[in-house]
N, C-alpha and C. Protein backbone atom coordinates (compact mmCIF):
# COMPACT_ATOMS: atom_id res chain seq x y z
N MET A 1 -17.50 -27.30 -42.17
CA MET A 1 -18.18 -26.90 -41.14
C MET A 1 -19.39 -25.80 -41.82
N THR A 2 -20.35 -26.01 -41.36
CA THR A 2 -21.32 -24.93 -41.88
C THR A 2 -21.51 -23.97 -40.73
N VAL A 3 -21.52 -22.65 -41.00
CA VAL A 3 -21.44 -21.63 -39.89
C VAL A 3 -22.87 -20.75 -40.21
N ASP A 4 -23.91 -21.11 -39.63
CA ASP A 4 -25.02 -20.40 -39.85
C ASP A 4 -24.96 -19.11 -39.01
N ARG A 5 -24.74 -19.18 -37.72
CA ARG A 5 -24.56 -18.14 -36.70
C ARG A 5 -23.36 -18.04 -36.20
N PRO A 6 -22.16 -17.46 -36.66
CA PRO A 6 -20.89 -17.55 -36.11
C PRO A 6 -20.85 -16.79 -34.93
N THR A 7 -19.95 -16.99 -33.97
CA THR A 7 -19.61 -16.07 -32.66
C THR A 7 -18.86 -14.83 -33.21
N GLY A 8 -18.88 -13.80 -32.61
CA GLY A 8 -18.43 -12.66 -32.94
C GLY A 8 -16.75 -12.94 -33.19
N ASP A 9 -16.24 -13.74 -32.34
CA ASP A 9 -14.68 -13.99 -32.55
C ASP A 9 -14.79 -14.94 -33.74
N ASP A 10 -15.52 -15.88 -33.95
CA ASP A 10 -15.31 -16.79 -35.42
C ASP A 10 -15.30 -15.74 -36.62
N LEU A 11 -16.40 -14.85 -36.64
CA LEU A 11 -16.64 -14.17 -37.54
C LEU A 11 -15.62 -13.08 -37.90
N VAL A 12 -15.06 -12.44 -36.91
CA VAL A 12 -13.93 -11.51 -37.00
C VAL A 12 -12.76 -12.43 -37.52
N GLU A 13 -12.55 -13.63 -37.04
CA GLU A 13 -11.27 -14.31 -37.69
C GLU A 13 -11.82 -14.86 -39.24
N MET A 14 -12.89 -15.06 -39.38
CA MET A 14 -12.99 -15.54 -40.71
C MET A 14 -12.82 -14.36 -41.78
N LEU A 15 -13.77 -13.22 -41.37
CA LEU A 15 -13.39 -12.15 -42.19
C LEU A 15 -11.98 -11.36 -42.33
N ALA A 16 -11.25 -11.79 -41.24
CA ALA A 16 -9.83 -11.35 -41.34
C ALA A 16 -9.07 -11.91 -42.46
N ALA A 17 -9.25 -13.42 -42.33
CA ALA A 17 -8.53 -14.11 -43.15
C ALA A 17 -9.03 -14.06 -44.65
N LEU A 18 -10.17 -13.63 -45.08
CA LEU A 18 -10.65 -13.41 -46.26
C LEU A 18 -10.52 -11.86 -46.76
N ALA A 19 -10.08 -11.00 -45.74
CA ALA A 19 -9.80 -9.80 -46.40
C ALA A 19 -8.44 -9.57 -47.22
N ASN A 20 -7.62 -10.51 -47.13
CA ASN A 20 -6.25 -10.49 -47.74
C ASN A 20 -6.70 -10.99 -49.10
N PRO A 21 -6.19 -10.28 -50.02
CA PRO A 21 -6.58 -10.67 -51.54
C PRO A 21 -5.64 -12.15 -51.96
N LEU A 22 -4.60 -12.36 -51.51
CA LEU A 22 -4.02 -13.66 -51.86
C LEU A 22 -4.85 -14.75 -51.25
N ARG A 23 -5.39 -14.33 -50.11
CA ARG A 23 -6.17 -15.74 -49.46
C ARG A 23 -7.34 -15.78 -50.00
N LEU A 24 -7.78 -14.57 -50.67
CA LEU A 24 -9.24 -14.80 -51.21
C LEU A 24 -9.04 -15.70 -52.52
N ARG A 25 -7.92 -15.36 -53.16
CA ARG A 25 -7.47 -16.21 -54.42
C ARG A 25 -7.18 -17.94 -54.17
N ILE A 26 -6.80 -17.81 -53.21
CA ILE A 26 -6.40 -19.59 -52.64
C ILE A 26 -8.02 -20.09 -52.52
N VAL A 27 -8.85 -19.20 -51.74
CA VAL A 27 -10.23 -19.98 -51.41
C VAL A 27 -10.69 -20.20 -52.73
N ALA A 28 -10.80 -19.19 -53.75
CA ALA A 28 -11.14 -19.32 -55.34
C ALA A 28 -10.68 -20.56 -55.88
N LYS A 29 -9.32 -20.69 -55.74
CA LYS A 29 -8.80 -21.81 -56.45
C LYS A 29 -9.28 -23.17 -55.97
N LEU A 30 -9.37 -23.15 -54.52
CA LEU A 30 -9.57 -24.41 -53.82
C LEU A 30 -11.10 -24.74 -54.11
N ALA A 31 -11.93 -23.67 -54.39
CA ALA A 31 -13.48 -23.94 -54.59
C ALA A 31 -13.55 -24.97 -55.75
N GLY A 32 -12.69 -25.02 -56.74
CA GLY A 32 -12.85 -25.83 -57.77
C GLY A 32 -12.42 -26.86 -57.55
N GLY A 33 -11.93 -27.30 -56.37
CA GLY A 33 -11.58 -28.85 -55.97
C GLY A 33 -10.22 -28.91 -55.24
N ARG A 34 -9.91 -29.88 -54.49
CA ARG A 34 -8.94 -29.79 -53.88
C ARG A 34 -7.44 -29.87 -54.52
N ASP A 35 -6.46 -29.27 -53.86
CA ASP A 35 -5.11 -29.11 -54.52
C ASP A 35 -3.93 -29.52 -53.55
N TYR A 36 -2.90 -29.81 -53.99
CA TYR A 36 -1.65 -29.86 -53.13
C TYR A 36 -0.71 -28.80 -53.36
N VAL A 37 0.04 -28.35 -52.16
CA VAL A 37 0.73 -27.26 -52.05
C VAL A 37 1.60 -26.69 -52.99
N SER A 38 2.23 -27.58 -53.79
CA SER A 38 3.27 -27.44 -54.84
C SER A 38 2.53 -26.68 -56.13
N HIS A 39 1.57 -27.78 -56.29
CA HIS A 39 0.76 -27.27 -57.48
C HIS A 39 0.00 -25.95 -57.33
N LEU A 40 -0.41 -25.84 -56.34
CA LEU A 40 -1.19 -24.55 -55.69
C LEU A 40 -0.52 -23.20 -55.82
N ALA A 41 0.69 -23.54 -55.33
CA ALA A 41 1.69 -22.29 -55.15
C ALA A 41 2.02 -21.86 -56.69
N ARG A 42 2.44 -22.83 -57.53
CA ARG A 42 2.58 -22.73 -59.30
C ARG A 42 1.31 -21.96 -59.61
N GLU A 43 0.08 -22.47 -59.41
CA GLU A 43 -1.12 -21.96 -60.09
C GLU A 43 -1.14 -20.44 -59.59
N ILE A 44 -1.14 -20.24 -58.22
CA ILE A 44 -1.23 -18.76 -57.80
C ILE A 44 0.03 -17.88 -58.18
N GLY A 45 1.02 -18.49 -58.32
CA GLY A 45 2.28 -17.91 -58.67
C GLY A 45 2.99 -17.18 -57.08
N VAL A 46 2.95 -17.98 -56.25
CA VAL A 46 3.86 -17.50 -54.94
C VAL A 46 4.56 -18.73 -54.49
N SER A 47 5.58 -18.38 -53.85
CA SER A 47 6.54 -19.57 -52.88
C SER A 47 5.67 -20.35 -52.00
N ARG A 48 6.29 -21.66 -51.88
CA ARG A 48 5.47 -22.50 -50.97
C ARG A 48 5.49 -21.84 -49.55
N PRO A 49 6.75 -21.12 -49.03
CA PRO A 49 6.48 -20.74 -47.66
C PRO A 49 5.54 -19.55 -47.55
N LEU A 50 5.48 -18.87 -48.57
CA LEU A 50 4.40 -17.74 -48.38
C LEU A 50 2.81 -18.42 -48.24
N LEU A 51 2.72 -19.31 -49.39
CA LEU A 51 1.41 -20.10 -49.40
C LEU A 51 1.05 -20.75 -48.00
N HIS A 52 2.08 -21.25 -47.50
CA HIS A 52 1.93 -22.22 -46.10
C HIS A 52 1.34 -21.29 -45.30
N MET A 53 2.06 -19.87 -45.10
CA MET A 53 1.65 -18.98 -44.31
C MET A 53 0.18 -18.69 -44.17
N HIS A 54 -0.17 -18.53 -45.66
CA HIS A 54 -1.85 -17.94 -45.90
C HIS A 54 -2.69 -19.25 -45.45
N LEU A 55 -1.95 -20.36 -46.01
CA LEU A 55 -3.03 -21.50 -45.62
C LEU A 55 -3.27 -21.76 -44.25
N GLN A 56 -2.28 -21.67 -43.50
CA GLN A 56 -2.51 -21.85 -42.07
C GLN A 56 -3.55 -20.79 -41.50
N ARG A 57 -3.34 -19.64 -42.06
CA ARG A 57 -4.42 -18.79 -41.59
C ARG A 57 -5.93 -18.89 -41.77
N LEU A 58 -6.14 -19.50 -43.24
CA LEU A 58 -7.19 -19.93 -43.74
C LEU A 58 -7.79 -21.02 -42.83
N GLU A 59 -7.01 -22.19 -42.44
CA GLU A 59 -7.23 -23.27 -41.88
C GLU A 59 -7.59 -22.88 -40.28
N ALA A 60 -6.98 -21.86 -39.81
CA ALA A 60 -7.32 -21.58 -38.52
C ALA A 60 -8.87 -20.96 -38.31
N ALA A 61 -9.13 -20.20 -39.60
CA ALA A 61 -10.49 -19.65 -39.47
C ALA A 61 -11.24 -20.61 -39.81
N GLY A 62 -11.08 -21.81 -40.14
CA GLY A 62 -12.20 -22.78 -40.57
C GLY A 62 -12.59 -22.90 -41.84
N LEU A 63 -11.83 -22.19 -42.79
CA LEU A 63 -12.25 -21.81 -44.10
C LEU A 63 -11.95 -23.06 -45.21
N ILE A 64 -10.71 -23.48 -44.70
CA ILE A 64 -10.26 -24.75 -45.52
C ILE A 64 -9.60 -25.86 -44.53
N ALA A 65 -9.24 -26.95 -45.06
CA ALA A 65 -8.77 -28.02 -44.22
C ALA A 65 -7.66 -28.79 -45.03
N GLY A 66 -6.84 -29.13 -44.20
CA GLY A 66 -5.79 -29.92 -44.97
C GLY A 66 -5.54 -31.29 -44.60
N SER A 67 -4.87 -32.03 -45.41
CA SER A 67 -4.74 -33.45 -45.00
C SER A 67 -3.23 -33.92 -45.73
N LEU A 68 -2.66 -34.76 -45.13
CA LEU A 68 -1.47 -35.46 -45.57
C LEU A 68 -1.66 -36.61 -46.28
N GLU A 69 -1.19 -36.87 -47.32
CA GLU A 69 -1.48 -37.84 -48.15
C GLU A 69 -0.06 -38.56 -48.79
N LEU A 70 -0.22 -39.61 -49.18
CA LEU A 70 1.23 -40.39 -49.71
C LEU A 70 0.86 -40.40 -51.12
N SER A 71 1.91 -40.04 -51.84
CA SER A 71 1.62 -40.31 -53.37
C SER A 71 2.18 -41.86 -53.89
N GLU A 72 1.88 -42.02 -55.22
CA GLU A 72 2.39 -43.61 -55.47
C GLU A 72 3.70 -43.61 -55.10
N ASP A 73 4.56 -42.59 -55.45
CA ASP A 73 6.00 -42.65 -55.40
C ASP A 73 6.32 -42.65 -53.81
N GLY A 74 5.64 -42.57 -52.80
CA GLY A 74 5.81 -42.52 -51.53
C GLY A 74 6.31 -41.06 -50.73
N LYS A 75 6.04 -40.04 -51.89
CA LYS A 75 6.20 -38.65 -51.09
C LYS A 75 5.00 -38.21 -50.37
N ALA A 76 5.26 -37.61 -49.30
CA ALA A 76 4.16 -36.79 -48.57
C ALA A 76 3.76 -35.71 -49.14
N MET A 77 2.43 -35.54 -49.50
CA MET A 77 1.96 -34.46 -50.16
C MET A 77 0.70 -33.80 -49.40
N LYS A 78 0.80 -32.79 -49.13
CA LYS A 78 -0.26 -31.90 -48.21
C LYS A 78 -1.32 -31.20 -49.27
N TYR A 79 -2.86 -31.94 -49.19
CA TYR A 79 -3.63 -31.40 -49.65
C TYR A 79 -4.66 -30.48 -48.98
N TYR A 80 -5.14 -29.64 -49.59
CA TYR A 80 -6.17 -28.58 -48.91
C TYR A 80 -7.45 -28.53 -49.69
N GLU A 81 -8.66 -28.44 -49.09
CA GLU A 81 -9.62 -28.17 -49.84
C GLU A 81 -10.69 -27.23 -48.81
N VAL A 82 -11.59 -26.60 -49.54
CA VAL A 82 -12.44 -25.68 -48.80
C VAL A 82 -13.40 -26.40 -48.04
N THR A 83 -13.55 -25.83 -46.77
CA THR A 83 -14.52 -26.73 -45.89
C THR A 83 -16.02 -26.24 -46.39
N ASP A 84 -16.98 -26.96 -45.79
CA ASP A 84 -18.40 -26.50 -46.05
C ASP A 84 -18.90 -25.42 -44.99
N PHE A 85 -18.59 -24.12 -45.52
CA PHE A 85 -18.95 -23.05 -44.80
C PHE A 85 -19.94 -22.55 -45.69
N ASP A 86 -20.89 -21.70 -44.93
CA ASP A 86 -21.62 -20.89 -45.68
C ASP A 86 -21.97 -19.58 -44.91
N LEU A 87 -21.42 -18.53 -45.01
CA LEU A 87 -21.39 -17.24 -44.47
C LEU A 87 -22.28 -16.28 -45.04
N HIS A 88 -23.34 -16.11 -44.43
CA HIS A 88 -24.44 -14.98 -44.78
C HIS A 88 -24.28 -13.93 -43.92
N LEU A 89 -24.10 -12.64 -44.47
CA LEU A 89 -24.04 -11.67 -43.67
C LEU A 89 -25.31 -10.87 -43.88
N THR A 90 -25.70 -10.44 -42.66
CA THR A 90 -26.85 -9.37 -42.76
C THR A 90 -26.81 -8.45 -41.36
N ALA A 91 -27.49 -7.70 -41.35
CA ALA A 91 -27.24 -6.72 -40.03
C ALA A 91 -27.50 -7.47 -38.96
N SER A 92 -28.36 -8.30 -38.79
CA SER A 92 -29.04 -9.06 -37.70
C SER A 92 -27.88 -10.07 -37.32
N VAL A 93 -27.26 -10.67 -38.08
CA VAL A 93 -26.38 -11.78 -38.11
C VAL A 93 -24.89 -11.05 -37.24
N LEU A 94 -24.88 -9.84 -37.70
CA LEU A 94 -23.55 -8.89 -37.25
C LEU A 94 -23.91 -8.48 -35.88
N ALA A 95 -25.30 -8.14 -35.63
CA ALA A 95 -25.47 -7.69 -34.41
C ALA A 95 -25.48 -8.90 -33.12
N GLU A 96 -25.97 -10.04 -33.65
CA GLU A 96 -25.88 -11.33 -32.74
C GLU A 96 -24.53 -11.42 -32.43
N ALA A 97 -23.63 -11.63 -33.57
CA ALA A 97 -22.07 -11.99 -33.40
C ALA A 97 -21.48 -10.68 -32.44
N ALA A 98 -21.66 -9.71 -32.70
CA ALA A 98 -21.11 -8.48 -31.84
C ALA A 98 -21.40 -8.82 -30.37
N GLU A 99 -22.51 -9.18 -29.88
CA GLU A 99 -22.99 -9.53 -28.56
C GLU A 99 -22.01 -10.49 -27.88
N THR A 100 -21.32 -11.46 -28.73
CA THR A 100 -20.63 -12.82 -28.44
C THR A 100 -19.13 -12.50 -28.08
N LEU A 101 -18.67 -11.39 -28.91
CA LEU A 101 -17.42 -10.88 -28.82
C LEU A 101 -16.57 -11.05 -27.48
N THR A 102 -15.56 -11.57 -27.45
CA THR A 102 -14.87 -11.88 -26.04
C THR A 102 -13.28 -11.36 -26.22
N ARG A 103 -12.92 -11.21 -27.61
CA ARG A 103 -11.52 -10.73 -27.82
C ARG A 103 -11.63 -9.12 -27.90
N PRO A 104 -10.51 -8.57 -27.41
CA PRO A 104 -10.36 -6.96 -27.46
C PRO A 104 -10.33 -6.58 -28.78
N ASP A 105 -10.37 -5.54 -29.40
CA ASP A 105 -10.25 -5.22 -30.85
C ASP A 105 -8.74 -4.97 -30.99
N PRO A 106 -8.38 -5.89 -32.01
CA PRO A 106 -7.04 -6.40 -32.24
C PRO A 106 -6.32 -5.03 -32.77
N GLU A 107 -6.93 -4.12 -33.13
CA GLU A 107 -6.27 -2.78 -33.80
C GLU A 107 -5.95 -1.93 -32.79
N ARG A 108 -6.53 -1.88 -31.59
CA ARG A 108 -6.27 -1.19 -30.36
C ARG A 108 -5.62 -1.79 -29.44
N GLY A 109 -4.79 -2.99 -29.47
CA GLY A 109 -4.43 -3.95 -28.43
C GLY A 109 -5.27 -4.22 -27.56
N PRO A 110 -4.63 -4.79 -26.40
CA PRO A 110 -5.38 -5.52 -25.38
C PRO A 110 -6.17 -4.54 -24.87
N ALA A 111 -7.20 -5.17 -23.99
CA ALA A 111 -8.18 -4.36 -23.31
C ALA A 111 -7.31 -4.04 -22.08
N PRO A 112 -7.76 -2.53 -21.58
CA PRO A 112 -7.17 -2.14 -20.11
C PRO A 112 -7.66 -3.02 -18.99
N LYS A 113 -6.57 -3.23 -18.11
CA LYS A 113 -7.14 -3.93 -16.97
C LYS A 113 -7.57 -3.12 -15.92
N GLU A 114 -8.79 -3.82 -15.27
CA GLU A 114 -9.59 -3.02 -14.24
C GLU A 114 -8.64 -2.62 -13.15
N GLN A 115 -8.65 -1.53 -12.48
CA GLN A 115 -7.95 -1.36 -11.29
C GLN A 115 -8.96 -1.64 -9.94
N PRO A 116 -8.39 -2.26 -9.13
CA PRO A 116 -9.29 -2.46 -7.95
C PRO A 116 -9.57 -1.39 -7.06
């Protein structure tokens, strides 16, 4: 997925996913080529359940993609790779993205409901 002009919501999700040091390391490892979960967990030094949680967040943000494949011995293996994204941040990109925000500020909770 090439993102030239992400929506505000997409940009917030992508930046939030990349703001975690472990997720940033995952993307860096996958930038070198696709890898399967068990090997990636060993390379990064985390448990598979913790890695899965971070992989899900990165995949939801559109930064990586996973695919299930069968190994030669018939085991199911989940492979992940970096998607084709290109995130170039400038003040004008941020201004355009801010105009398209539809979600409330996650740090402040839901937006107040309008009273009739």
